[in-house]
Amino acid sequence: MEKENNSKIDKLEKCVIRQSQEIRKLKKKPERRMTEMKFVGVIFDPEKYKNGENEINNALANGFEVLRDFETGGGIVIALGKWVKKDEKVKNGWTK
């Protein structure tokens, strides 16, 4: 009985150590903010799906990341976001 308890305690200690390491990693991650968001629809049609596929691939190549996907009756909509470090300035067309 005592051996069982000790092995359970050992497992829990290892779990706590692993979680502590994960928390340290998360704290070290740089803070980011989203600068752009994009929704791309992909229609499940043998002749039309390539358009959406190409748009998603281009967005990924330009630094966007997939945030979420939404299933629809005729296809899927992918939510994409573009991130920069929190202290980094972004040039946009509407500010002086």
Foldseek 3Di string as FASTA:
>chain_A
DVVVVVVVVVVVVVVVVVVVVVVVVVVPDFAKDWDDKDKAWAFPDPVGRVVSVVVVVVVVVVAWDWDDKDADPGTIITMITHMDGPPDDDDDDPDD
